[in-house]
Protein backbone atom coordinates (compact mmCIF):
# COMPACT_ATOMS: atom_id res chain seq x y z
CA MET A 1 -25.60 -22.00 -15.04
CA GLU A 2 -23.71 -24.82 -16.09
CA LYS A 3 -21.90 -26.65 -13.07
CA GLN A 4 -18.58 -27.12 -12.56
CA GLU A 5 -16.39 -30.07 -10.61
CA LEU A 6 -14.83 -28.24 -6.89
CA GLY A 7 -11.73 -30.16 -7.50
CA ALA A 8 -11.32 -33.87 -6.70
CA SER A 9 -14.56 -33.45 -4.82
CA GLY A 10 -16.87 -34.96 -6.45
CA LEU A 11 -19.33 -31.68 -5.62
CA LEU A 12 -20.79 -30.02 -8.73
CA VAL A 13 -20.83 -26.10 -8.08
CA SER A 14 -22.22 -23.12 -9.74
CA PRO A 15 -20.18 -20.89 -11.58
CA ILE A 16 -21.53 -18.21 -8.98
CA CYS A 17 -21.06 -18.71 -5.08
CA LEU A 18 -22.44 -16.52 -2.95
CA GLY A 19 -20.51 -14.29 -0.25
CA THR A 20 -22.09 -13.50 3.11
CA MET A 21 -19.78 -11.18 3.89
CA THR A 22 -22.54 -8.20 4.25
CA PHE A 23 -24.61 -9.98 5.90
CA GLY A 24 -25.17 -7.93 8.95
CA ARG A 25 -24.54 -4.62 8.06
CA PRO A 26 -25.55 -3.47 5.18
CA VAL A 27 -27.64 -6.48 4.51
CA ALA A 28 -29.97 -6.88 7.43
CA GLU A 29 -31.38 -10.53 8.45
CA ALA A 30 -33.95 -10.20 6.41
CA ASP A 31 -33.01 -9.30 3.43
CA ALA A 32 -30.41 -11.65 3.68
CA ILE A 33 -32.35 -14.51 4.35
CA GLN A 34 -34.62 -13.40 1.20
CA MET A 35 -31.62 -13.04 -0.83
CA VAL A 36 -30.08 -16.31 -0.21
CA HIS A 37 -33.51 -17.87 -1.26
CA GLY A 38 -33.62 -15.66 -4.02
CA ALA A 39 -30.05 -16.82 -5.26
CA ILE A 40 -30.77 -20.56 -4.52
CA ASP A 41 -33.92 -19.96 -7.02
CA LEU A 42 -31.43 -18.44 -9.62
CA GLY A 43 -29.88 -21.92 -9.60
CA ILE A 44 -26.85 -20.52 -7.08
CA ASN A 45 -26.03 -24.03 -5.09
CA PHE A 46 -22.79 -22.77 -3.19
CA ILE A 47 -22.45 -19.86 -0.74
CA ASP A 48 -19.79 -19.14 1.33
CA THR A 49 -19.14 -17.71 4.63
CA ALA A 50 -16.55 -17.68 7.53
CA ASN A 51 -16.66 -17.92 11.16
CA VAL A 52 -15.70 -13.94 11.04
CA TYR A 53 -17.71 -13.15 9.00
CA GLU A 54 -20.10 -9.61 10.53
CA GLY A 55 -20.45 -7.16 7.77
CA TYR A 56 -19.15 -3.89 8.21
CA ASP A 57 -19.63 -4.19 11.94
CA ARG A 58 -16.29 -6.43 11.76
CA VAL A 59 -12.92 -5.41 13.57
CA LEU A 60 -10.30 -7.07 14.29
CA GLY A 61 -11.19 -9.58 17.24
CA SER A 62 -14.43 -9.20 17.37
CA ALA A 63 -16.48 -12.38 17.95
CA GLY A 64 -17.80 -13.12 14.50
CA GLY A 65 -20.15 -15.42 13.79
CA VAL A 66 -22.99 -13.30 12.31
CA ALA A 67 -23.18 -14.35 8.83
CA GLU A 68 -23.25 -18.00 9.91
CA GLU A 69 -25.88 -17.62 12.13
CA ILE A 70 -27.68 -15.67 9.36
CA LEU A 71 -26.93 -18.30 6.72
CA GLY A 72 -28.12 -21.13 9.52
CA LYS A 73 -31.38 -19.73 9.55
CA ALA A 74 -31.88 -18.67 5.43
CA ILE A 75 -30.81 -22.34 4.67
CA ARG A 76 -32.72 -24.39 7.70
CA ASP A 77 -35.37 -25.72 5.54
CA ARG A 78 -33.47 -25.80 2.26
CA ARG A 79 -30.33 -27.11 3.17
CA ASP A 80 -30.15 -30.18 0.18
CA GLU A 81 -30.02 -27.27 -2.02
CA VAL A 82 -26.74 -25.60 -1.27
CA ILE A 83 -22.48 -26.33 -0.95
CA VAL A 84 -21.84 -24.45 2.33
CA ALA A 85 -18.08 -23.59 2.78
CA THR A 86 -17.01 -21.88 5.77
CA LYS A 87 -13.65 -20.78 7.20
CA VAL A 88 -11.41 -20.87 10.27
CA CYS A 89 -8.14 -18.78 11.04
CA ALA A 90 -9.06 -15.16 11.62
CA PRO A 91 -9.35 -13.65 15.58
CA VAL A 92 -12.22 -14.24 16.85
CA GLY A 93 -11.18 -12.27 20.17
CA PRO A 94 -8.07 -10.93 21.82
CA GLY A 95 -6.04 -13.69 23.43
CA PRO A 96 -3.60 -15.71 21.46
CA GLY A 97 -5.94 -19.54 21.38
CA ASP A 98 -8.72 -16.87 19.78
CA ARG A 99 -7.16 -17.44 16.38
CA GLY A 100 -4.82 -19.23 13.92
CA LEU A 101 -4.54 -23.01 12.65
CA SER A 102 -3.81 -24.85 15.88
CA ALA A 103 -5.65 -27.92 16.71
CA ALA A 104 -7.23 -27.01 19.15
CA HIS A 105 -8.94 -23.83 17.55
CA ILE A 106 -9.77 -25.75 14.40
CA LEU A 107 -11.36 -28.46 16.52
CA GLU A 108 -13.33 -25.95 18.59
CA GLN A 109 -14.14 -24.02 15.97
CA VAL A 110 -15.63 -26.44 13.80
CA ASP A 111 -18.45 -26.97 16.34
CA HIS A 112 -19.32 -23.47 16.81
CA SER A 113 -19.46 -23.06 12.88
CA LEU A 114 -21.88 -26.27 12.83
CA ARG A 115 -23.97 -25.23 15.81
CA ARG A 116 -24.69 -21.36 14.11
CA LEU A 117 -25.08 -22.98 10.73
CA GLN A 118 -28.04 -25.45 11.86
CA VAL A 119 -26.27 -28.48 10.13
CA ASP A 120 -24.96 -31.76 10.39
CA VAL A 121 -21.92 -31.39 8.54
CA ILE A 122 -19.93 -28.48 6.58
CA ASP A 123 -19.47 -29.14 2.77
CA LEU A 124 -16.27 -27.14 2.43
CA TYR A 125 -14.55 -26.09 5.33
CA ILE A 126 -11.19 -23.79 4.63
CA MET A 127 -8.35 -22.75 6.17
CA HIS A 128 -8.86 -18.91 6.19
CA TRP A 129 -5.34 -17.24 5.80
CA PRO A 130 -2.00 -18.88 6.41
CA ASP A 131 -0.58 -19.04 10.05
CA LYS A 132 3.33 -18.80 10.23
CA LEU A 133 2.91 -19.94 14.02
CA THR A 134 1.55 -23.44 13.27
CA PRO A 135 2.82 -26.18 11.68
CA LEU A 136 1.00 -27.75 8.63
CA GLU A 137 1.22 -31.01 10.03
CA GLU A 138 -1.01 -29.87 12.75
CA SER A 139 -2.77 -27.64 10.92
CA LEU A 140 -4.03 -30.08 7.93
CA ALA A 141 -3.90 -33.01 10.81
CA ALA A 142 -6.48 -31.40 12.47
CA MET A 143 -8.95 -30.38 9.53
CA ASP A 144 -8.38 -34.32 8.55
CA GLN A 145 -9.49 -35.11 12.05
CA ALA A 146 -12.72 -32.69 11.61
CA LEU A 147 -13.49 -34.74 8.44
CA GLN A 148 -12.71 -37.97 10.01
CA GLN A 149 -15.54 -37.05 12.84
CA GLY A 150 -18.06 -36.51 9.90
CA LYS A 151 -17.79 -32.63 10.83
CA VAL A 152 -16.47 -31.99 7.44
CA ARG A 153 -16.89 -33.52 3.80
CA PHE A 154 -13.82 -31.38 2.13
CA LEU A 155 -10.78 -29.21 3.05
CA GLY A 156 -10.12 -26.42 1.01
CA SER A 157 -7.52 -22.86 1.49
CA SER A 158 -7.97 -19.19 1.10
CA ASN A 159 -4.89 -16.81 0.90
CA HIS A 160 -2.22 -19.16 0.36
CA ASP A 161 -0.33 -19.54 -2.68
CA ALA A 162 0.94 -22.24 -5.19
CA ALA A 163 4.06 -23.17 -3.27
CA GLN A 164 2.37 -23.68 -0.15
CA LEU A 165 -0.73 -25.82 -1.68
CA CYS A 166 2.28 -27.71 -2.98
CA GLU A 167 3.37 -28.19 0.31
CA MET A 168 -0.09 -29.01 1.85
CA LEU A 169 -0.81 -31.49 -0.56
CA TRP A 170 3.23 -33.48 -0.26
CA ILE A 171 1.70 -33.32 3.41
CA ALA A 172 -1.17 -34.80 3.34
CA GLU A 173 0.08 -37.58 0.37
CA ARG A 174 2.85 -38.30 3.19
CA ASN A 175 0.60 -38.64 5.95
CA SER A 176 -2.73 -40.24 4.32
CA LEU A 177 -4.17 -37.00 5.15
CA ALA A 178 -7.37 -35.61 3.26
CA PRO A 179 -6.01 -33.56 0.44
CA ILE A 180 -7.19 -29.90 -0.53
CA VAL A 181 -9.93 -29.34 -2.98
CA ALA A 182 -10.14 -26.06 -3.40
CA SER A 183 -8.71 -22.98 -2.89
CA GLN A 184 -10.01 -19.24 -2.38
CA ILE A 185 -7.54 -16.29 -3.44
CA PRO A 186 -8.00 -12.55 -4.26
CA PHE A 187 -8.22 -12.61 -7.99
CA SER A 188 -9.81 -10.10 -10.27
CA LEU A 189 -8.99 -7.81 -13.64
CA LEU A 190 -7.24 -5.59 -11.34
CA ARG A 191 -5.41 -7.89 -9.33
CA ARG A 192 -3.53 -10.69 -10.77
CA GLU A 193 -1.27 -11.48 -8.53
CA PHE A 194 -1.83 -15.25 -8.36
CA GLN A 195 -2.45 -15.34 -11.92
CA HIS A 196 0.52 -17.71 -12.52
CA ASP A 197 -0.60 -20.13 -9.44
CA LEU A 198 -3.78 -21.07 -11.91
CA LYS A 199 -1.54 -23.44 -13.97
CA PHE A 200 -0.71 -25.26 -10.53
CA CYS A 201 -4.00 -25.69 -9.36
CA ALA A 202 -5.47 -27.05 -12.81
CA GLU A 203 -2.25 -29.20 -13.13
CA LYS A 204 -2.99 -30.21 -9.57
CA ASN A 205 -7.29 -30.45 -9.79
CA ILE A 206 -7.51 -27.89 -7.14
CA CYS A 207 -10.50 -25.66 -7.97
CA VAL A 208 -10.20 -22.02 -7.55
CA THR A 209 -12.67 -20.35 -6.03
CA PRO A 210 -11.64 -16.43 -5.98
CA TYR A 211 -13.05 -13.66 -3.97
CA GLN A 212 -13.49 -10.03 -4.61
CA PRO A 213 -13.85 -10.62 -8.55
CA LEU A 214 -15.37 -7.02 -8.33
CA GLN A 215 -12.67 -6.30 -6.78
CA GLY A 216 -15.24 -4.39 -3.68
CA GLY A 217 -17.35 -3.01 -6.73
CA LEU A 218 -14.83 -1.08 -8.59
CA LEU A 219 -15.41 -2.95 -11.86
CA THR A 220 -18.83 -2.80 -11.77
CA GLY A 221 -18.73 0.73 -13.21
CA LYS A 222 -20.36 2.90 -10.34
CA TYR A 223 -17.00 4.73 -9.41
CA ARG A 224 -16.59 7.98 -11.58
CA ARG A 225 -13.50 9.96 -12.14
CA GLY A 226 -14.02 13.54 -10.15
CA GLU A 227 -17.20 12.30 -8.56
CA GLN A 228 -18.11 11.52 -4.67
CA PRO A 229 -18.76 7.30 -4.31
CA PRO A 230 -22.19 7.03 -4.53
CA GLY A 231 -24.84 6.48 -1.61
CA GLU A 232 -24.92 3.08 -0.33
CA SER A 233 -21.42 1.75 -1.45
CA ARG A 234 -18.53 0.50 -0.25
CA GLY A 235 -16.87 3.92 -1.41
CA SER A 236 -19.26 5.69 0.73
CA ASP A 237 -20.48 3.18 3.50
CA LYS A 238 -16.69 1.65 4.35
CA PRO A 239 -14.06 3.52 2.48
CA GLN A 240 -11.05 1.86 4.17
CA TRP A 241 -12.41 -1.63 2.32
CA LEU A 242 -11.62 0.30 -0.80
CA TRP A 243 -8.40 1.14 -3.13
CA GLU A 244 -7.32 4.57 -3.69
CA LEU A 245 -9.47 5.96 -6.41
CA ASP A 246 -6.37 7.61 -8.19
CA ASP A 247 -5.92 8.46 -11.80
CA GLU A 248 -4.22 5.43 -12.75
CA LEU A 249 -6.75 3.64 -11.70
CA PHE A 250 -9.48 5.48 -13.37
CA ASP A 251 -7.35 5.31 -16.50
CA ARG A 252 -7.47 1.50 -16.12
CA LEU A 253 -11.38 1.25 -15.23
CA GLU A 254 -12.46 3.51 -18.37
CA ALA A 255 -10.40 1.67 -20.63
CA LEU A 256 -11.87 -1.80 -19.61
CA GLU A 257 -15.25 -0.44 -19.63
CA GLN A 258 -15.01 0.83 -23.23
CA SER A 259 -13.82 -2.89 -24.17
CA ALA A 260 -16.94 -3.82 -22.48
CA GLY A 261 -19.14 -1.50 -23.84
CA ASP A 262 -17.74 -2.92 -27.30
CA ALA A 263 -18.28 -6.49 -26.27
CA GLY A 264 -21.84 -5.48 -25.55
CA LEU A 265 -21.77 -6.03 -21.61
CA SER A 266 -21.57 -4.30 -18.53
CA MET A 267 -18.65 -3.66 -16.72
CA ALA A 268 -19.45 -6.22 -13.95
CA GLU A 269 -20.66 -9.00 -16.76
CA PHE A 270 -17.44 -8.29 -18.32
CA SER A 271 -15.51 -8.35 -15.19
CA LEU A 272 -17.07 -11.71 -13.85
CA ALA A 273 -17.15 -13.54 -17.48
CA TRP A 274 -13.31 -12.74 -18.01
CA ALA A 275 -12.16 -14.14 -14.47
CA LEU A 276 -14.37 -17.00 -15.17
CA SER A 277 -12.07 -17.72 -18.60
CA GLN A 278 -9.05 -18.01 -16.41
CA PRO A 279 -7.63 -21.54 -15.87
CA ALA A 280 -8.85 -23.86 -13.10
CA ILE A 281 -11.58 -21.08 -11.65
CA GLY A 282 -14.55 -23.09 -10.93
CA SER A 283 -16.91 -20.42 -8.66
CA LEU A 284 -16.56 -16.69 -7.96
CA VAL A 285 -17.33 -15.90 -4.47
CA VAL A 286 -19.50 -12.73 -5.40
CA GLY A 287 -21.06 -10.47 -2.33
CA ALA A 288 -23.97 -8.47 -3.05
CA THR A 289 -26.17 -6.06 -1.12
CA ARG A 290 -28.99 -6.55 -3.23
CA LEU A 291 -30.68 -9.69 -5.57
CA GLU A 292 -30.50 -7.73 -8.42
CA GLN A 293 -26.35 -7.85 -8.39
CA VAL A 294 -26.35 -11.45 -7.44
CA GLN A 295 -28.39 -11.59 -10.91
CA GLN A 296 -26.41 -9.89 -12.78
CA ALA A 297 -23.48 -12.13 -11.87
CA VAL A 298 -25.68 -14.94 -12.58
CA THR A 299 -26.01 -13.40 -16.51
CA ALA A 300 -22.19 -12.91 -16.50
CA ALA A 301 -21.80 -16.80 -15.74
CA GLY A 302 -23.03 -17.37 -19.38
CA VAL A 303 -20.90 -14.76 -21.56
CA THR A 304 -17.74 -15.97 -23.47
CA ILE A 305 -15.36 -12.88 -24.36
CA SER A 306 -13.27 -13.29 -27.45
CA GLU A 307 -9.68 -13.93 -27.58
CA ASP A 308 -9.15 -10.88 -29.17
CA VAL A 309 -10.50 -8.99 -26.32
CA LEU A 310 -8.76 -10.96 -23.81
CA ALA A 311 -5.67 -9.65 -25.57
CA ARG A 312 -6.96 -6.26 -24.94
CA VAL A 313 -7.44 -6.82 -21.04
CA ASP A 314 -3.81 -8.16 -20.76
CA GLU A 315 -2.47 -4.77 -22.21
CA ILE A 316 -4.51 -2.73 -19.99
CA CYS A 317 -4.53 -5.12 -16.74
CA PRO A 318 -1.43 -7.03 -17.50
CA PRO A 319 -0.49 -9.80 -15.38
CA PRO A 320 2.35 -10.01 -13.44
CA TRP A 321 5.70 -10.56 -14.51
CA THR A 322 7.40 -13.45 -15.16
CA GLN A 323 11.22 -14.53 -15.67
CA PRO A 324 12.46 -16.09 -18.13
CA ASP A 325 12.93 -19.69 -17.89
CA PRO A 326 17.41 -19.40 -18.49
CA ILE A 327 17.60 -22.85 -20.17
CA ARG A 328 14.36 -23.25 -22.22
CA GLY A 329 14.22 -19.30 -23.33
């Protein structure tokens, strides 16, 4: 796999990033460690986690930390081979101080993540969600403080739109703080709300690293109209984490599968290759329950989709509407 620069960081990351949200359950510790090692052997050098990840056992406000602990064990003897990203913001307890992007919470949680990951420094530290209760100036100053202390190498954001990224860059420049170099957003053939933000990220050299590029498994071809979700799938094990399987959705899925077949690709390969063809996207965060799924993602990273097929995709899953420029047309 040809590695891409992670924004302005100088770090080179694989186009597939191993996601760890399934670690704990359904992917038990021993299997997760084996998956990490297998992914590294396949050429993946980028691994994404968060302080709250604990697999399907996750509920709002639970302590989290499970995925970080498992990943720490997995990379203990292979630290030099991977770039590790983790996140802060989501609730890790019931109290008001157990969440958000306040300076106190960020500086507390970065130490917890370092301990669980068993690393001296986090390569990419990500603000997981916007925090409406904390000024961005405070959050960015705390993230910069963690960087200046040598606990973090580079900074990223997740679930922030282009307007919020623009404000972050402006605050960082005005206050001589470290800038954001990567943006993690939900993005797939079925979910293109952030499509028009990609141009801004490309212009500002912010690497986009989308999560759910297979939309929770919907874009793998495993779900069929009129059939129950297959066993050991998200639809059967965690249905509340999956979209409603209605006829409108299946109309799009079946049309996409036809396009994938015409291109000689599996549904998953087609969906990942399409996402990698979009502006500013440097690496896709792909979660898995089996190493074979990781292998399939690696194969997709080498696929090129023709322009005529890309145009057909826009007809099946159109990008979001934008208002025409009233002056330039």
